[in-house]
Amino acid sequence: MDFNILAIVVAAVVPLIVGFIWYNPKTLGIVWMRESGMTEEKFKNSNILVIFSITLVLSVLLSFSTQMLTIHQMGAYSLMGGNPAEALPSYQAFMEDYGTAFRTFKHGAFHGVLSALFMFFPVIAITALFERRSWKYIFINTGFWTICLTIMGAIVCGWV
């Protein structure tokens, strides 16, 4: 099982592109700013290059781990220890039979949605509740990550 580095990098750019649209003042940016406590002054005094750079690095980590959520063959890969050269013949037989099963953009998108709703939503909501943020804030951020993970899942799973 090879990691598709190009798919990981392309998927990593998704949060930057979607974020540019999602948090733009012409879409949900103004509401998000109000709900998060962000001000124009805070935004202007931040180092956007550093923020985007760190976001890209963290997005690479996220897209790498998204493969494990969307590609079922990763389970077989991890069970045999990660070194196909040392795997038993049953691993090779399994991969010959099922190596590309469920490796579609649609399947990856489905698992992206599931991970957003069952992993990201609870984490965002719990954190926001303790921070005394509104449900608008929770749903704006959950919506953003649902879209991102749907697209990222589609890319890393379907790009065979």
Protein backbone atom coordinates (compact mmCIF):
# COMPACT_ATOMS: atom_id res chain seq x y z
CA MET A 1 0.00 0.00 0.00
CA ASP A 2 1.64 3.20 -1.14
CA PHE A 3 0.76 6.62 0.16
CA ASN A 4 -0.26 8.95 -2.64
CA ILE A 5 1.81 12.00 -1.75
CA LEU A 6 0.27 14.12 -4.51
CA ALA A 7 -3.25 13.37 -3.26
CA ILE A 8 -2.17 14.23 0.30
CA VAL A 9 -0.71 17.58 -0.79
CA VAL A 10 -3.70 18.47 -2.97
CA ALA A 11 -6.10 17.55 -0.16
CA ALA A 12 -4.04 19.66 2.26
CA VAL A 13 -4.77 22.79 0.24
CA VAL A 14 -8.54 22.26 0.59
CA PRO A 15 -8.94 23.96 4.01
CA LEU A 16 -7.16 27.06 2.71
CA ILE A 17 -9.37 27.32 -0.38
CA VAL A 18 -12.63 26.48 1.40
CA GLY A 19 -11.67 28.77 4.30
CA PHE A 20 -11.10 31.66 1.91
CA ILE A 21 -14.67 31.24 0.66
CA TRP A 22 -16.39 30.10 3.90
CA TYR A 23 -14.95 32.79 6.19
CA ASN A 24 -15.06 35.57 3.61
CA PRO A 25 -17.06 38.62 4.75
CA LYS A 26 -19.39 38.09 1.77
CA THR A 27 -20.36 34.62 3.04
CA LEU A 28 -20.10 33.68 6.74
CA GLY A 29 -17.09 35.80 7.70
CA ILE A 30 -18.94 38.62 9.42
CA VAL A 31 -21.15 36.26 11.44
CA TRP A 32 -18.13 34.11 12.35
CA MET A 33 -16.14 37.18 13.42
CA ARG A 34 -18.96 38.31 15.70
CA GLU A 35 -19.49 34.83 17.18
CA SER A 36 -15.78 34.13 17.68
CA GLY A 37 -14.87 37.55 19.08
CA MET A 38 -12.54 38.30 16.16
CA THR A 39 -12.11 41.96 15.30
CA GLU A 40 -10.66 43.75 12.29
CA GLU A 41 -7.86 44.98 14.55
CA LYS A 42 -6.94 41.45 15.71
CA PHE A 43 -7.04 40.26 12.11
CA LYS A 44 -4.83 43.09 10.84
CA ASN A 45 -2.31 42.61 13.67
CA SER A 46 -1.84 38.90 12.93
CA ASN A 47 0.89 37.42 10.77
CA ILE A 48 -1.22 35.85 8.05
CA LEU A 49 1.79 34.23 6.34
CA VAL A 50 2.65 32.32 9.53
CA ILE A 51 -1.01 31.35 10.03
CA PHE A 52 -1.36 30.07 6.45
CA SER A 53 1.99 28.23 6.63
CA ILE A 54 1.11 26.44 9.88
CA THR A 55 -2.37 25.73 8.52
CA LEU A 56 -0.84 24.07 5.46
CA VAL A 57 1.50 21.91 7.58
CA LEU A 58 -1.37 20.84 9.87
CA SER A 59 -3.56 20.20 6.83
CA VAL A 60 -0.92 17.83 5.45
CA LEU A 61 -1.11 15.90 8.73
CA LEU A 62 -4.90 15.90 8.51
CA SER A 63 -4.99 14.72 4.89
CA PHE A 64 -2.46 12.00 5.71
CA SER A 65 -4.62 10.72 8.57
CA THR A 66 -7.79 11.07 6.48
CA GLN A 67 -6.48 8.20 4.36
CA MET A 68 -6.79 5.94 7.39
CA LEU A 69 -10.43 6.97 7.82
CA THR A 70 -11.41 6.55 4.18
CA ILE A 71 -9.29 3.71 2.77
CA HIS A 72 -10.28 0.34 4.20
CA GLN A 73 -7.12 -1.33 2.91
CA MET A 74 -5.14 0.71 5.45
CA GLY A 75 -6.44 -1.70 8.11
CA ALA A 76 -4.87 -4.67 6.35
CA TYR A 77 -1.71 -2.65 5.78
CA SER A 78 -1.40 -1.85 9.48
CA LEU A 79 -2.20 -5.44 10.54
CA MET A 80 0.76 -6.85 8.66
CA GLY A 81 3.13 -4.30 10.19
CA GLY A 82 3.50 -1.78 7.39
CA ASN A 83 6.21 -3.59 5.43
CA PRO A 84 4.70 -5.45 2.44
CA ALA A 85 8.02 -7.20 1.77
CA GLU A 86 7.69 -9.04 5.10
CA ALA A 87 3.97 -9.77 4.79
CA LEU A 88 2.54 -13.26 4.62
CA PRO A 89 1.18 -14.47 1.27
CA SER A 90 -2.36 -13.94 2.62
CA TYR A 91 -1.76 -10.16 2.60
CA GLN A 92 -0.77 -10.22 -1.06
CA ALA A 93 -3.81 -12.39 -1.87
CA PHE A 94 -6.07 -9.99 0.03
CA MET A 95 -4.64 -6.97 -1.79
CA GLU A 96 -5.00 -8.71 -5.17
CA ASP A 97 -8.67 -9.41 -4.39
CA TYR A 98 -9.60 -6.16 -2.62
CA GLY A 99 -6.77 -3.70 -3.33
CA THR A 100 -9.00 -1.13 -5.00
CA ALA A 101 -12.36 -2.01 -3.44
CA PHE A 102 -14.20 1.10 -2.28
CA ARG A 103 -11.43 3.34 -3.63
CA THR A 104 -13.73 5.98 -5.12
CA PHE A 105 -14.24 9.69 -4.68
CA LYS A 106 -17.81 9.02 -3.54
CA HIS A 107 -16.73 6.55 -0.85
CA GLY A 108 -14.02 8.93 0.41
CA ALA A 109 -16.50 11.80 0.53
CA PHE A 110 -18.93 9.63 2.52
CA HIS A 111 -16.29 8.82 5.13
CA GLY A 112 -15.24 12.47 5.18
CA VAL A 113 -18.79 13.46 6.12
CA LEU A 114 -18.95 10.72 8.76
CA SER A 115 -15.67 11.80 10.34
CA ALA A 116 -16.84 15.42 10.40
CA LEU A 117 -20.14 14.58 12.05
CA PHE A 118 -18.96 11.91 14.48
CA MET A 119 -15.47 13.19 15.33
CA PHE A 120 -15.08 16.87 14.50
CA PHE A 121 -18.55 18.07 15.49
CA PRO A 122 -18.31 16.66 19.04
CA VAL A 123 -14.81 18.10 19.53
CA ILE A 124 -15.80 21.53 18.19
CA ALA A 125 -19.04 21.55 20.21
CA ILE A 126 -17.43 20.46 23.49
CA THR A 127 -14.64 23.02 23.16
CA ALA A 128 -17.07 25.78 22.16
CA LEU A 129 -19.45 25.01 25.02
CA PHE A 130 -16.67 25.36 27.56
CA GLU A 131 -15.53 28.56 25.84
CA ARG A 132 -19.15 29.81 26.09
CA ARG A 133 -19.47 30.14 22.31
CA SER A 134 -22.82 30.14 20.54
CA TRP A 135 -24.40 27.36 18.53
CA LYS A 136 -23.95 29.58 15.46
CA TYR A 137 -20.22 29.46 16.07
CA ILE A 138 -20.36 25.67 16.48
CA PHE A 139 -22.36 25.14 13.28
CA ILE A 140 -20.27 27.57 11.22
CA ASN A 141 -17.06 25.75 12.16
CA THR A 142 -18.62 22.29 11.87
CA GLY A 143 -19.98 23.19 8.43
CA PHE A 144 -16.54 24.33 7.35
CA TRP A 145 -14.90 21.09 8.49
CA THR A 146 -17.68 18.97 7.02
CA ILE A 147 -17.08 20.49 3.59
CA CYS A 148 -13.28 20.25 3.95
CA LEU A 149 -13.27 16.64 5.13
CA THR A 150 -15.77 15.63 2.45
CA ILE A 151 -13.51 17.01 -0.26
CA MET A 152 -10.31 15.80 1.40
CA GLY A 153 -11.74 12.31 1.88
CA ALA A 154 -12.81 12.20 -1.75
CA ILE A 155 -9.36 13.21 -2.92
CA VAL A 156 -7.27 10.86 -0.77
CA CYS A 157 -9.57 7.86 -1.28
CA GLY A 158 -10.48 8.29 -4.93
CA TRP A 159 -7.13 9.40 -6.30
CA VAL A 160 -5.72 5.91 -6.93
